[in-house]
Amino acid sequence: MGIAVGLALAIVPAGLSPLAGWASRAATDGPGTLSHFDLARKDCLGTARNTTSKVWFTVANGVLSDVYYPTADNTNVETLQLVVTDGHNFTDLQARDMTYTV
């Protein structure tokens, strides 16, 4: 039964296929869409010490660059950095104004 159905769909002319109109539209998250992954240049990769944690993180240039949850391929935080300010005279961003060495 499954083979007969597969063969029947293979010989349907393209103009009559219910999916024919979909081919002309751009794919969701296709080329040109911004990536959700940060810099490939990572200083460290980490996770919790216990084996039950489903959180992983990476650091790049001293900034928490990616947080993955609940799987190691699902990024939920793209960049998390400290901002230091007195509220009036200065604002320092961790990525822009601070020095980091490994």
N, C-alpha and C. Protein backbone atom coordinates (compact mmCIF):
# COMPACT_ATOMS: atom_id res chain seq x y z
N MET A 1 0.83 -1.20 0.00
CA MET A 1 0.00 0.00 0.00
C MET A 1 0.87 1.26 0.00
N GLY A 2 1.87 1.32 0.85
CA GLY A 2 2.75 2.49 0.91
C GLY A 2 3.52 2.70 -0.37
N ILE A 3 3.93 1.65 -1.03
CA ILE A 3 4.68 1.78 -2.29
C ILE A 3 3.77 2.30 -3.39
N ALA A 4 2.54 1.81 -3.48
CA ALA A 4 1.60 2.26 -4.51
C ALA A 4 1.29 3.74 -4.35
N VAL A 5 1.12 4.20 -3.14
CA VAL A 5 0.84 5.62 -2.90
C VAL A 5 2.03 6.46 -3.30
N GLY A 6 3.24 6.03 -2.97
CA GLY A 6 4.45 6.75 -3.34
C GLY A 6 4.61 6.86 -4.84
N LEU A 7 4.31 5.81 -5.57
CA LEU A 7 4.42 5.84 -7.03
C LEU A 7 3.35 6.72 -7.64
N ALA A 8 2.15 6.70 -7.07
CA ALA A 8 1.07 7.54 -7.60
C ALA A 8 1.42 9.01 -7.46
N LEU A 9 2.02 9.41 -6.38
CA LEU A 9 2.41 10.81 -6.19
C LEU A 9 3.55 11.19 -7.12
N ALA A 10 4.39 10.25 -7.46
CA ALA A 10 5.52 10.54 -8.32
C ALA A 10 5.11 10.85 -9.75
N ILE A 11 3.97 10.37 -10.20
CA ILE A 11 3.56 10.60 -11.59
C ILE A 11 2.52 11.70 -11.74
N VAL A 12 2.16 12.40 -10.68
CA VAL A 12 1.23 13.53 -10.77
C VAL A 12 1.95 14.69 -11.43
N PRO A 13 1.38 15.30 -12.49
CA PRO A 13 2.03 16.45 -13.14
C PRO A 13 2.25 17.58 -12.15
N ALA A 14 3.35 18.30 -12.31
CA ALA A 14 3.73 19.36 -11.38
C ALA A 14 2.65 20.42 -11.23
N GLY A 15 1.95 20.76 -12.28
CA GLY A 15 0.91 21.79 -12.21
C GLY A 15 -0.29 21.39 -11.39
N LEU A 16 -0.50 20.09 -11.21
CA LEU A 16 -1.65 19.60 -10.46
C LEU A 16 -1.31 19.25 -9.03
N SER A 17 -0.06 19.27 -8.70
CA SER A 17 0.37 18.92 -7.35
C SER A 17 -0.11 19.97 -6.35
N PRO A 18 -0.65 19.56 -5.21
CA PRO A 18 -1.09 20.54 -4.20
C PRO A 18 0.07 21.35 -3.63
N LEU A 19 1.30 20.91 -3.81
CA LEU A 19 2.47 21.62 -3.30
C LEU A 19 3.14 22.50 -4.35
N ALA A 20 2.63 22.51 -5.57
CA ALA A 20 3.28 23.25 -6.66
C ALA A 20 3.41 24.74 -6.36
N GLY A 21 2.43 25.36 -5.72
CA GLY A 21 2.47 26.78 -5.41
C GLY A 21 3.49 27.14 -4.34
N TRP A 22 3.89 26.19 -3.55
CA TRP A 22 4.83 26.45 -2.46
C TRP A 22 6.25 26.63 -2.96
N ALA A 23 6.58 26.06 -4.09
CA ALA A 23 7.96 26.08 -4.57
C ALA A 23 8.45 27.49 -4.88
N SER A 24 7.55 28.41 -5.19
CA SER A 24 7.97 29.75 -5.58
C SER A 24 8.21 30.67 -4.38
N ARG A 25 7.82 30.27 -3.20
CA ARG A 25 8.02 31.11 -2.01
C ARG A 25 9.36 30.80 -1.34
N ALA A 26 9.92 31.80 -0.70
CA ALA A 26 11.19 31.61 0.03
C ALA A 26 10.96 30.74 1.26
N ALA A 27 11.93 29.93 1.58
CA ALA A 27 11.84 29.07 2.75
C ALA A 27 11.94 29.90 4.02
N THR A 28 11.19 29.51 5.03
CA THR A 28 11.28 30.16 6.33
C THR A 28 12.69 29.98 6.88
N ASP A 29 13.27 31.04 7.40
CA ASP A 29 14.64 31.01 7.92
C ASP A 29 15.64 30.60 6.84
N GLY A 30 15.33 30.90 5.60
CA GLY A 30 16.20 30.55 4.48
C GLY A 30 17.35 31.53 4.34
N PRO A 31 18.03 31.49 3.19
CA PRO A 31 19.18 32.37 2.96
C PRO A 31 18.83 33.84 3.17
N GLY A 32 19.74 34.57 3.76
CA GLY A 32 19.51 35.99 4.01
C GLY A 32 18.98 36.28 5.40
N THR A 33 18.55 35.26 6.11
CA THR A 33 18.05 35.45 7.47
C THR A 33 19.23 35.55 8.42
N LEU A 34 19.15 36.43 9.40
CA LEU A 34 20.22 36.59 10.37
C LEU A 34 20.42 35.32 11.18
N SER A 35 21.65 35.00 11.46
CA SER A 35 21.98 33.83 12.26
C SER A 35 21.74 34.13 13.73
N HIS A 36 21.37 33.09 14.48
CA HIS A 36 21.18 33.24 15.92
C HIS A 36 22.41 32.77 16.69
N PHE A 37 23.46 32.42 15.98
CA PHE A 37 24.68 31.97 16.63
C PHE A 37 25.69 33.10 16.63
N ASP A 38 26.38 33.27 17.73
CA ASP A 38 27.35 34.35 17.88
C ASP A 38 28.69 33.93 17.27
N LEU A 39 29.73 34.64 17.61
CA LEU A 39 31.07 34.39 17.07
C LEU A 39 31.47 32.92 17.18
N ALA A 40 32.15 32.43 16.17
CA ALA A 40 32.66 31.06 16.21
C ALA A 40 33.90 30.97 17.08
N ARG A 41 34.55 32.08 17.30
CA ARG A 41 35.79 32.14 18.09
C ARG A 41 35.42 32.11 19.58
N LYS A 42 35.54 30.97 20.22
CA LYS A 42 35.14 30.82 21.62
C LYS A 42 36.35 30.62 22.52
N ASP A 43 36.29 31.20 23.70
CA ASP A 43 37.34 31.02 24.69
C ASP A 43 37.06 29.83 25.59
N CYS A 44 35.80 29.55 25.85
CA CYS A 44 35.47 28.41 26.69
C CYS A 44 34.04 27.94 26.43
N LEU A 45 33.80 26.71 26.81
CA LEU A 45 32.49 26.08 26.74
C LEU A 45 32.25 25.49 28.11
N GLY A 46 31.07 25.68 28.65
CA GLY A 46 30.82 25.17 29.99
C GLY A 46 29.41 24.68 30.19
N THR A 47 29.22 23.97 31.28
CA THR A 47 27.91 23.51 31.72
C THR A 47 27.99 23.32 33.23
N ALA A 48 26.90 22.91 33.82
CA ALA A 48 26.87 22.68 35.26
C ALA A 48 27.70 21.44 35.60
N ARG A 49 28.09 21.35 36.84
CA ARG A 49 28.91 20.23 37.28
C ARG A 49 28.10 18.94 37.37
N ASN A 50 26.80 19.05 37.63
CA ASN A 50 25.98 17.85 37.74
C ASN A 50 25.58 17.33 36.35
N THR A 51 25.10 16.11 36.29
CA THR A 51 24.74 15.51 35.00
C THR A 51 23.29 15.76 34.62
N THR A 52 22.53 16.43 35.47
CA THR A 52 21.12 16.67 35.16
C THR A 52 20.88 18.01 34.48
N SER A 53 21.88 18.87 34.44
CA SER A 53 21.72 20.19 33.83
C SER A 53 21.51 20.08 32.33
N LYS A 54 20.63 20.91 31.80
CA LYS A 54 20.39 20.98 30.36
C LYS A 54 20.81 22.34 29.84
N VAL A 55 21.76 22.99 30.52
CA VAL A 55 22.23 24.32 30.12
C VAL A 55 23.71 24.23 29.77
N TRP A 56 24.08 24.79 28.62
CA TRP A 56 25.47 24.91 28.19
C TRP A 56 25.71 26.37 27.85
N PHE A 57 26.96 26.83 27.94
CA PHE A 57 27.26 28.22 27.62
C PHE A 57 28.64 28.31 26.98
N THR A 58 28.85 29.40 26.26
CA THR A 58 30.16 29.70 25.67
C THR A 58 30.55 31.12 26.02
N VAL A 59 31.86 31.37 26.05
CA VAL A 59 32.40 32.70 26.31
C VAL A 59 33.31 33.06 25.14
N ALA A 60 33.15 34.28 24.62
CA ALA A 60 34.01 34.78 23.55
C ALA A 60 34.42 36.20 23.90
N ASN A 61 35.72 36.46 23.91
CA ASN A 61 36.25 37.79 24.24
C ASN A 61 35.76 38.29 25.60
N GLY A 62 35.62 37.40 26.55
CA GLY A 62 35.24 37.78 27.90
C GLY A 62 33.76 38.00 28.12
N VAL A 63 32.95 37.77 27.10
CA VAL A 63 31.50 37.99 27.19
C VAL A 63 30.79 36.65 27.07
N LEU A 64 29.78 36.44 27.90
CA LEU A 64 28.94 35.26 27.77
C LEU A 64 28.26 35.35 26.40
N SER A 65 28.68 34.51 25.46
CA SER A 65 28.25 34.72 24.08
C SER A 65 27.06 33.88 23.66
N ASP A 66 26.91 32.69 24.17
CA ASP A 66 25.76 31.86 23.84
C ASP A 66 25.35 31.06 25.06
N VAL A 67 24.05 30.89 25.24
CA VAL A 67 23.52 29.98 26.25
C VAL A 67 22.59 29.03 25.51
N TYR A 68 22.81 27.74 25.71
CA TYR A 68 22.02 26.73 25.02
C TYR A 68 21.13 26.00 26.01
N TYR A 69 19.85 25.86 25.68
CA TYR A 69 18.88 25.14 26.52
C TYR A 69 17.69 24.79 25.67
N PRO A 70 17.09 23.68 25.76
CA PRO A 70 17.39 22.50 26.58
C PRO A 70 18.33 21.51 25.90
N THR A 71 18.77 21.83 24.67
CA THR A 71 19.74 20.97 23.99
C THR A 71 20.93 21.81 23.57
N ALA A 72 22.04 21.16 23.27
CA ALA A 72 23.28 21.86 22.95
C ALA A 72 23.26 22.55 21.59
N ASP A 73 22.19 22.39 20.82
CA ASP A 73 22.09 23.06 19.52
C ASP A 73 21.01 24.15 19.50
N ASN A 74 20.42 24.46 20.65
CA ASN A 74 19.33 25.42 20.71
C ASN A 74 19.76 26.64 21.52
N THR A 75 20.22 27.69 20.82
CA THR A 75 20.70 28.88 21.53
C THR A 75 19.54 29.76 21.96
N ASN A 76 19.57 30.22 23.20
CA ASN A 76 18.51 31.05 23.74
C ASN A 76 18.97 32.44 24.11
N VAL A 77 20.25 32.62 24.34
CA VAL A 77 20.81 33.94 24.65
C VAL A 77 21.96 34.15 23.68
N GLU A 78 21.92 35.23 22.93
CA GLU A 78 22.97 35.48 21.94
C GLU A 78 24.16 36.19 22.56
N THR A 79 23.95 37.18 23.39
CA THR A 79 25.05 37.87 24.07
C THR A 79 24.52 38.40 25.39
N LEU A 80 25.29 38.21 26.43
CA LEU A 80 24.95 38.74 27.74
C LEU A 80 26.22 39.36 28.29
N GLN A 81 26.20 40.65 28.56
CA GLN A 81 27.40 41.33 29.04
C GLN A 81 27.05 42.29 30.18
N LEU A 82 28.07 42.66 30.92
CA LEU A 82 27.90 43.62 32.01
C LEU A 82 27.92 45.04 31.46
N VAL A 83 27.12 45.89 32.06
CA VAL A 83 27.13 47.32 31.77
C VAL A 83 27.38 48.03 33.09
N VAL A 84 28.45 48.83 33.15
CA VAL A 84 28.81 49.55 34.37
C VAL A 84 28.56 51.03 34.13
N THR A 85 27.80 51.66 35.02
CA THR A 85 27.50 53.08 34.86
C THR A 85 27.28 53.73 36.21
N ASP A 86 27.46 55.05 36.25
CA ASP A 86 27.10 55.79 37.46
C ASP A 86 25.73 56.44 37.26
N GLY A 87 25.12 56.21 36.11
CA GLY A 87 23.80 56.75 35.84
C GLY A 87 23.80 58.15 35.25
N HIS A 88 24.97 58.81 35.23
CA HIS A 88 25.02 60.19 34.74
C HIS A 88 26.19 60.46 33.79
N ASN A 89 27.40 60.10 34.21
CA ASN A 89 28.60 60.54 33.50
C ASN A 89 29.24 59.51 32.58
N PHE A 90 29.07 58.23 32.85
CA PHE A 90 29.73 57.23 32.02
C PHE A 90 28.91 55.95 31.96
N THR A 91 29.10 55.22 30.89
CA THR A 91 28.53 53.88 30.72
C THR A 91 29.58 53.04 30.01
N ASP A 92 30.02 51.98 30.64
CA ASP A 92 31.00 51.08 30.05
C ASP A 92 30.34 49.75 29.73
N LEU A 93 30.45 49.33 28.48
CA LEU A 93 29.98 48.02 28.07
C LEU A 93 31.13 47.03 28.19
N GLN A 94 30.85 45.85 28.67
CA GLN A 94 31.89 44.85 28.86
C GLN A 94 32.62 44.56 27.55
N ALA A 95 31.90 44.38 26.46
CA ALA A 95 32.53 44.02 25.18
C ALA A 95 33.33 45.17 24.57
N ARG A 96 32.92 46.39 24.82
CA ARG A 96 33.55 47.54 24.18
C ARG A 96 34.63 48.20 25.03
N ASP A 97 34.42 48.29 26.33
CA ASP A 97 35.26 49.14 27.17
C ASP A 97 36.12 48.41 28.20
N MET A 98 36.07 47.10 28.24
CA MET A 98 36.83 46.36 29.24
C MET A 98 37.85 45.45 28.58
N THR A 99 38.94 45.17 29.29
CA THR A 99 40.01 44.32 28.78
C THR A 99 39.84 42.92 29.32
N TYR A 100 40.08 41.93 28.46
CA TYR A 100 39.90 40.54 28.84
C TYR A 100 41.08 39.72 28.33
N THR A 101 41.65 38.88 29.17
CA THR A 101 42.71 37.97 28.74
C THR A 101 42.43 36.58 29.28
N VAL A 102 42.90 35.58 28.55
CA VAL A 102 42.72 34.19 28.98
C VAL A 102 44.04 33.69 29.51
